Protein backbone atom coordinates (compact mmCIF):
# COMPACT_ATOMS: atom_id res chain seq x y z
CA MET A 1 -9.52 -5.74 13.24
CA ARG A 2 -7.82 -5.49 9.88
CA ARG A 3 -9.60 -5.75 6.52
CA ILE A 4 -7.85 -5.93 3.17
CA ILE A 5 -9.88 -5.20 0.05
CA ILE A 6 -8.41 -5.72 -3.41
CA GLU A 7 -10.43 -4.91 -6.50
CA GLU A 8 -9.94 -4.37 -10.20
CA ILE A 9 -9.92 -0.68 -11.09
CA PRO A 10 -12.91 0.31 -13.22
CA TRP A 11 -11.46 2.63 -15.84
CA VAL A 12 -14.74 4.41 -16.47
CA TYR A 13 -17.03 5.72 -13.74
CA ALA A 14 -20.67 6.51 -14.31
CA CYS A 15 -21.64 9.99 -13.15
CA CYS A 16 -24.37 8.45 -11.03
CA ASP A 17 -22.17 6.01 -9.06
CA ALA A 18 -23.81 6.17 -5.62
CA GLU A 19 -20.58 5.63 -3.70
CA ILE A 20 -18.56 8.42 -5.30
CA THR A 21 -19.20 11.91 -3.96
CA ALA A 22 -18.77 15.33 -5.49
CA ALA A 23 -15.76 15.78 -3.19
CA ASP A 24 -14.22 12.61 -4.67
CA ILE A 25 -14.71 13.87 -8.21
CA ALA A 26 -13.23 17.25 -7.27
CA SER A 27 -10.27 15.54 -5.61
CA ALA A 28 -9.69 13.33 -8.67
CA SER A 29 -9.88 16.30 -11.04
CA ARG A 30 -6.42 17.45 -9.92
CA PHE A 31 -4.95 14.53 -11.90
CA GLN A 32 -4.58 15.20 -15.60
CA ASN A 33 -3.96 11.55 -16.39
CA GLU A 34 -7.17 9.52 -16.81
CA ARG A 35 -5.55 6.41 -15.29
CA ARG A 36 -4.56 8.32 -12.13
CA ARG A 37 -8.10 9.72 -11.81
CA ALA A 38 -9.55 6.20 -12.08
CA GLU A 39 -7.11 4.86 -9.45
CA HIS A 40 -7.96 7.72 -7.11
CA LEU A 41 -11.71 7.22 -7.49
CA ALA A 42 -11.34 3.44 -7.11
CA TRP A 43 -9.79 3.55 -3.64
CA ARG A 44 -12.15 6.30 -2.45
CA ARG A 45 -15.09 4.23 -3.64
CA VAL A 46 -13.88 1.23 -1.61
CA VAL A 47 -13.33 3.34 1.53
CA ARG A 48 -16.81 4.90 1.28
CA ARG A 49 -18.47 1.55 0.63
CA GLU A 50 -16.75 0.03 3.67
CA LEU A 51 -16.98 2.98 6.10
CA GLY A 52 -19.93 5.03 4.89
CA ARG A 53 -20.53 7.44 2.08
CA ASN A 54 -20.54 10.52 4.31
CA ILE A 55 -17.17 10.07 5.99
CA SER A 56 -14.56 12.73 5.49
CA ILE A 57 -11.35 11.71 3.71
CA GLU A 58 -8.45 14.06 4.39
CA TYR A 59 -4.65 13.99 3.96
CA ASN A 60 -1.99 14.34 6.63
CA GLU A 61 1.23 16.36 6.40
CA VAL A 62 3.02 13.63 4.40
CA GLY A 63 0.13 13.23 1.96
CA ALA A 64 -1.33 10.00 3.36
CA PRO A 65 -5.12 9.72 3.44
CA PHE A 66 -7.03 9.35 6.68
CA VAL A 67 -10.69 9.21 7.68
CA ASP A 68 -12.67 10.93 10.42
CA VAL A 69 -13.75 7.64 12.03
CA ASP A 70 -12.50 6.98 15.57
CA HIS A 71 -9.93 4.19 15.88
CA THR A 72 -9.90 3.61 12.12
CA HIS A 73 -6.78 3.83 9.97
CA ILE A 74 -6.57 3.37 6.23
CA SER A 75 -3.81 2.79 3.72
CA VAL A 76 -4.25 2.63 -0.04
CA ALA A 77 -2.23 1.44 -3.01
CA HIS A 78 -2.76 0.78 -6.68
CA GLY A 79 -0.86 -1.29 -9.18
CA ALA A 80 -1.33 -4.16 -11.58
CA GLY A 81 -4.69 -2.67 -12.58
CA ARG A 82 -5.97 -3.08 -9.05
CA VAL A 83 -6.60 -1.01 -5.98
CA ALA A 84 -5.68 -2.32 -2.52
CA VAL A 85 -7.18 -0.80 0.62
CA ALA A 86 -6.30 -1.69 4.22
CA ILE A 87 -8.72 -0.67 6.97
CA SER A 88 -7.58 -1.26 10.52
CA ASP A 89 -8.09 -0.24 14.12
CA THR A 90 -4.30 0.30 14.33
CA GLN A 91 -1.75 1.93 12.03
CA VAL A 92 -1.33 0.04 8.76
CA GLY A 93 0.50 0.31 5.44
CA ILE A 94 -0.26 -1.50 2.18
CA ASP A 95 1.26 -1.87 -1.27
CA ILE A 96 0.49 -3.93 -4.38
CA GLU A 97 2.67 -4.52 -7.43
CA SER A 98 2.62 -6.72 -10.49
CA PHE A 99 5.26 -9.45 -10.65
CA ASP A 100 6.01 -8.53 -14.25
CA ARG A 101 7.48 -5.15 -13.28
CA ASN A 102 11.25 -5.12 -13.82
CA PHE A 103 12.46 -5.00 -10.21
CA GLU A 104 15.99 -6.09 -11.07
CA ARG A 105 16.69 -2.60 -12.44
CA ILE A 106 16.08 -1.08 -9.00
CA THR A 107 17.45 -3.81 -6.73
CA SER A 108 20.61 -1.86 -5.87
CA ARG A 109 18.50 1.19 -4.92
CA ILE A 110 16.11 -0.65 -2.59
CA MET A 111 18.07 -3.53 -1.03
CA SER A 112 21.22 -3.75 1.00
CA HIS A 113 23.64 -6.57 0.22
CA GLU A 114 22.41 -8.41 3.35
CA GLU A 115 18.78 -8.09 2.22
CA GLN A 116 19.65 -9.44 -1.22
CA GLN A 117 21.09 -12.55 0.46
CA LEU A 118 18.03 -13.24 2.67
CA CYS A 119 16.06 -15.11 0.02
CA GLY A 120 16.60 -16.77 -3.33
CA ASP A 121 12.96 -16.64 -4.44
CA GLU A 122 12.54 -15.34 -7.99
CA HIS A 123 10.10 -12.71 -6.65
CA TRP A 124 12.31 -11.52 -3.79
CA ALA A 125 12.89 -8.05 -5.31
CA ALA A 126 9.10 -7.61 -5.71
CA TYR A 127 8.59 -8.70 -2.10
CA VAL A 128 11.18 -6.22 -0.85
CA TRP A 129 9.80 -3.34 -2.94
CA THR A 130 6.22 -3.83 -1.75
CA THR A 131 7.44 -4.40 1.81
CA LYS A 132 9.39 -1.17 1.90
CA GLU A 133 6.55 0.79 0.29
CA ALA A 134 4.08 -0.58 2.86
CA LEU A 135 6.52 0.23 5.68
CA TYR A 136 7.02 3.75 4.33
CA LYS A 137 3.26 4.24 4.60
CA LEU A 138 3.11 2.63 8.05
CA TYR A 139 5.85 4.81 9.54
CA GLY A 140 4.49 7.95 7.86
CA GLU A 141 7.70 9.94 7.65
CA GLN A 142 9.10 11.86 4.70
CA GLY A 143 12.65 11.52 3.44
CA ILE A 144 13.06 7.82 4.19
CA ASP A 145 15.96 6.13 2.41
CA LEU A 146 14.80 2.63 1.42
CA ILE A 147 18.22 1.06 1.99
CA GLY A 148 19.66 3.11 4.84
CA ASP A 149 16.54 3.71 6.92
CA ILE A 150 14.39 0.59 6.44
CA ARG A 151 16.10 -2.67 7.36
CA ILE A 152 14.59 -6.09 6.75
CA CYS A 153 15.54 -8.12 9.80
CA SER A 154 14.15 -11.55 8.83
CA TYR A 155 11.99 -13.42 6.35
CA ASP A 156 9.90 -16.53 7.04
CA SER A 157 9.30 -18.02 3.57
CA GLU A 158 6.70 -20.53 4.77
CA LYS A 159 4.51 -17.89 6.41
CA LYS A 160 5.55 -15.18 3.91
CA LEU A 161 6.25 -12.92 6.88
CA ILE A 162 8.89 -10.20 7.03
CA ARG A 163 10.11 -8.42 10.13
CA ALA A 164 11.62 -5.00 9.55
CA GLN A 165 12.62 -1.82 11.31
CA LEU A 166 12.82 1.87 10.42
CA ARG A 167 15.98 3.34 11.86
CA SER A 168 15.88 2.41 15.55
CA GLN A 169 12.11 2.58 15.86
CA LYS A 170 9.70 -0.17 16.75
CA GLU A 171 9.87 -3.37 14.70
CA ALA A 172 7.05 -3.94 12.23
CA VAL A 173 5.61 -7.06 10.65
CA VAL A 174 4.80 -7.36 6.94
CA GLU A 175 2.50 -10.06 5.62
CA LEU A 176 3.00 -10.94 1.96
CA SER A 177 0.41 -12.57 -0.27
CA THR A 178 -0.15 -13.06 -3.96
CA HIS A 179 -3.22 -11.90 -5.81
CA HIS A 180 -4.33 -13.89 -8.87
CA ASP A 181 -0.76 -15.27 -9.12
CA ASP A 182 0.41 -12.12 -10.91
CA ALA A 183 0.77 -9.54 -8.13
CA VAL A 184 2.20 -9.28 -4.64
CA VAL A 185 0.45 -7.53 -1.76
CA ALA A 186 2.31 -6.36 1.36
CA VAL A 187 0.49 -5.34 4.54
CA ALA A 188 2.62 -3.73 7.27
CA TYR A 189 1.63 -3.24 10.90
CA PHE A 190 3.03 -3.09 14.43
CA GLU A 191 2.50 -6.13 16.65
């Protein structure tokens, strides 16, 4: 079971929103930036709506959120004015980015020469960025070098499917999709 929920981020929350708890508001208060608070509340709202208002949302040693529901894993991302939440019975990683971000500026920092040659699609840099971000979340390790540690092994352009590997660990699969034709979503998991 794997569910992907993508929603616009409401930039203003009513104090009486039934799905946001006092713990969520307290957690969001650590962000001084209003946009970051709204993003934080948006993904927590989705998780509570999908899994129950009274679940506990905690953070592991690398700062990734998890829930106290047996056999349930979550991953969250925000970008392009949207929040993306993956809920799965196995480990999962998710990322979302707008296509209009300038990925060319960071290509040399995220892609090896071989990865740059894998695809000629105009959105390839966006695909690689979201893929590596989703994989980073899936593997759950700190200090990962996006070029040296995460290697894209193959790309199936028809299925929009990437196979990748972190160091010599288990190979992962990343499914790519577009959202409203202006953003890319990457969902990473182990087969």
